[in-house]
Every structure is written in structure tokens, then in C-alpha cells.
Amino acid sequence: MENKTNKILLICNAVLLLGLIGIYVLHFTGAGTKSKTNVDATAPLQKEGGLTIAYVNTDTLLAKYQYAIDMEKELLAYKDQQEKIGRQQVEQFQSDYQDYLKNGANMTLTQQQQKEAELKQRADRMSTLEQELTSKIMERQMTENTKLLNAIFAFIREYNAANQQFDIILRKTFNDSPTLYLNPAMDITDEIVEGLNEEYKNLKKN
């Protein structure tokens, strides 16, 4: 059971990673006040039709954003905790079952029937335990993933409006990107990461 559980949990982690790097195209128009961060905004590049365009490398962002790093550690700890709970319940059931096989003959018929009914109920519980634990892990991952994406979206909206920057901000990833080439001069990843980390640092202080 443990091997099967580990395989499913690895799939869950892959789903999380895919979800984290799946930040879709963001459209913003500049209209705001001075930025709340100390990040110096990159000068926008003028394109056809007067559009200003930039991009963020989300692989780099997630590797350097401290909130994402901390979240991953917390999720791994939660996964380990749920796996431990599952192992303990299975081991306890196996121990109780072996104890019944060894000492059941010393029980009265009524006690035997009661014990067997209890063990059957617990055996049925064991059959769904893996699925329940996996669902809990996936639900936790989805919740944390949503919080992370919301934090990134909110910061970029504020950053863009405050600096009156870009009409379009694209995302770039190694494995899944809608573009074949992006001019490095359009890359605003470092300043976005710097601003996000500053925001997260101040949030933790408060």
C-alpha cells in the first residue's frame, strides 16, 4: 500500500508544480500612483499599435520567490504527516488483527462476534484510507496553490498600475510557453521577484 500511496503522492506533486507554473497571460493598463515597493520599473517597450509588452519567467519566479519556497516545504511536511497517519493506522490494524488470531479462542462467542465486526469495519476503512489521505493532500495543495497565484496576480496588478507600465505581461516557462522567442529586454522577472520578496518579508514581520 505504501508504494502505491507514494506513487499517487508523486503525481499530486507533479500536479502542483504544473499548476504553479501555469500562470496565464495577464492584461493590464497603467493607471495608478507611486508603487508601494522600492522596485525600479523597467521602461516599457513600444510595439505595433502602441502596445507596451513585457514578460515574466515563471520558472525563475517560483524558484526565487520565498513564499513559494516556504509553501513547498510546508506541503511536503503535510504530505509526510498524512503518510505517517496512514502507516500508523494500517500497522495498528494489522497488529490488532494478529492479536485476535492469536487470542480469539479465549474469548466468548459474543466477544468474538463483536471483535470480528469491529475488525471488518476497520478493514473496510483501510480500503478507502489511501484515497481519503490522497484527497486531503490534493485539496491542501490546491488551496495553497490558489493563494500563491492570487498573491502573484495581485502584486503584478499593483506593480503595473503604480508604474504605468505595460498593456500586456506574458509568462515564459521552459516546458510550456505560448511564445517561441521573447526579447530579453522585455524580461521583468527580477524586479517582480524582488518586489514579491519584499512584500512577503514585510508581511511576515507584521
Foldseek 3Di string as FASTA:
>chain_A
DLVVLVVLVVVLVVVLVVLQQPDFKDFAFAADAAAPDPFDDAAFDADPPRFTEFEAASVVLLVQQVLNVVLVVVLVVLLVVLSVVLVVLVVVLVVLVVVCVVCVVVDDPVVNVVSVVVSVVSVVVNVCSSVVSSVVSSVSSVVSSVVVSVLLVVLVRRVCHRVRHGRIYGYDYDPDGPDPDDDPSRYPHVSSSVRSNVVVVVVVVD
